[in-house]
Amino acid sequence: MNVLLRSGSKRTLALESHSHVLLFRYIKETRKSAIELVPKNEFIDKQYKQLSRSKSRSHGFLGLIEMNGDVFLCVITSKITVATPIDGESVNKIVDVEFHSLTNDVWDFLDLNSNGYPNIDNDLQNSDPSTSSSSSLHIPQHPCYELRKLLTDGSFFYSSNFDLTSTLQNRGIGNQRLSVDKFHTDYMWNSFMMEGILAYRDNLLENQRRILDNDQFLTTVIRGFAQTLEIYIKGIPSQLTIISKQSWKRAGTRFNVRGVDDDGNVANFVETEIIFNNLSKGQIYSFVQIRGSIPVFWEQDTALISPKVQITRSSQATQPTFEKHFENLKSKYGPIHCVNLRSATRSSEIELSNTYKKHFISMNDKSQNHDSFFFTDFDFHVETSKTYADATKILPLLQESFDEFGYFLYDCKRNTILREQVGAFRTNCLDCLDRTNVIQQVISLKALTDYLHSQKINDFTVIKECHSTL
């Protein structure tokens, strides 16, 4: 994808794919961006110049954003492929992005340094002569500098050939057409940048929508982690992939954002999927689990060295939101088994744990179906005081749910779904970090071991070693 510019009174930016061109022009009178999709063979490019500072073509369009009164178009200019869950699917980590203004020519053709300021000497030698002037010496820091810094911190990923916001079970296996209509917006971290282009897409004919979807004009970005490791089973190579994605709906820094909001969204909500492409058996396995802050209204005073937990709303005011959170989970994952790792002895955690369980019991008492939600307390610090290896003591407490929830399994030779995962474990500690990481690893390894044993594969030392590095 090329980024082109037509300067002058009718300033226009163009994204050029292999078959079409998407044009953007800012209309001052309406303070909105006009968007137009035209076939490449109808595009007159004589007045356009290559705008991207990247030597290679852009890899995807992330949307539009207004900063300090100017509107900018964002494209991915550098990436690394980090995961290949199955054949035909790849996950890329964003390495660099560029922001190009629809409304201002100040930053055109400039090479920006790591702090968002132009490299003046280099720019005066390489920029368009008609735009170079002594004013280049006084160009301010690029307005999108901080956003660029965030997007390139190594935690943002995208895919150009499958829906990264969905699990393998939900998106299916085969020639699944990319469609924004099917994306889970909870995990689209650039959704606020895509509002204008999605509104434009809604007014297009079906064939034009497909062009936008298939030509990388609409790129969905998740925040989290992705990696594929090559492993061997009986000498045959296979791939083990982990994909974790965090919801943006209650995002924020540690301590400053805790608990639940009025819509039932919780802080640090992450969906993690393990995908095992078992080439020796011609099967694809997947297992999904989730984590998230305790869904009650609570906070911590960051001014204190040992911040205390404070419950900020009454039980009566909290219960409807608590239940909304779990109903949302149930509609997406099926039955939910809560695994609470908070301490039963630490004063800072006792009240919150008791509140969590109280709301859970109240919810279950009102529920007509008592097979939908389950709860297990596991005092992580007490149980693993000698060694983290003792974390496996939790497994007998979860066995019934392991048997009930299962995992997703697909037979590639017969193109048949052999089984589906029908429930999910929801794990939490205080901030859903270290303790949760350990237990989620134990849970996912247990599920994978169950699958391998079902296939009479008993020698999987390499898998254990690989999994422990994720």
Foldseek 3Di string as FASTA:
>chain_A
DFWKWQDDPFTWIWDDFPWKIWIWAADPVVRDIDIDIDTPVPDDCPRIDGFDPAPDHFDAWLFWDDFPNWIWTKTQRDWDWFDDLDPQWTKIQGAFMDIDTNPDCLCTQFDADLQQQGPVVVSCVPPDVVPDDPCSVVRDRPRCNVVRCVSNPRFKMWILGFALQDDCVVQDDDRRQFAPVPHDLQFQPSVVRCVRVVVVLVPDDPVVRSCCSNRNHHIGMFGHDKHWDWDDFPRDIWIKMKDKGWGPPQEDDPQVAAAADQQLDFYRKMKMKIWICPPVQQKIWMDIAIEGGQHAAWGWDPVDPDTAIDRDDDPVVRLVSNLSNLVVQCVPQNAEEEEEQEACPDPRGNVVVVSSVVSVVVNCVPDPDNRRYHYDYHPQCVQQVPHLVSLLVCVVVCVVVCVVQAIWMARNVVRDTPDHGRHYYYYYYNNCPDSVVSNVLSVVVVNVVVVCVVVVRDDDPVVNVVSVVD
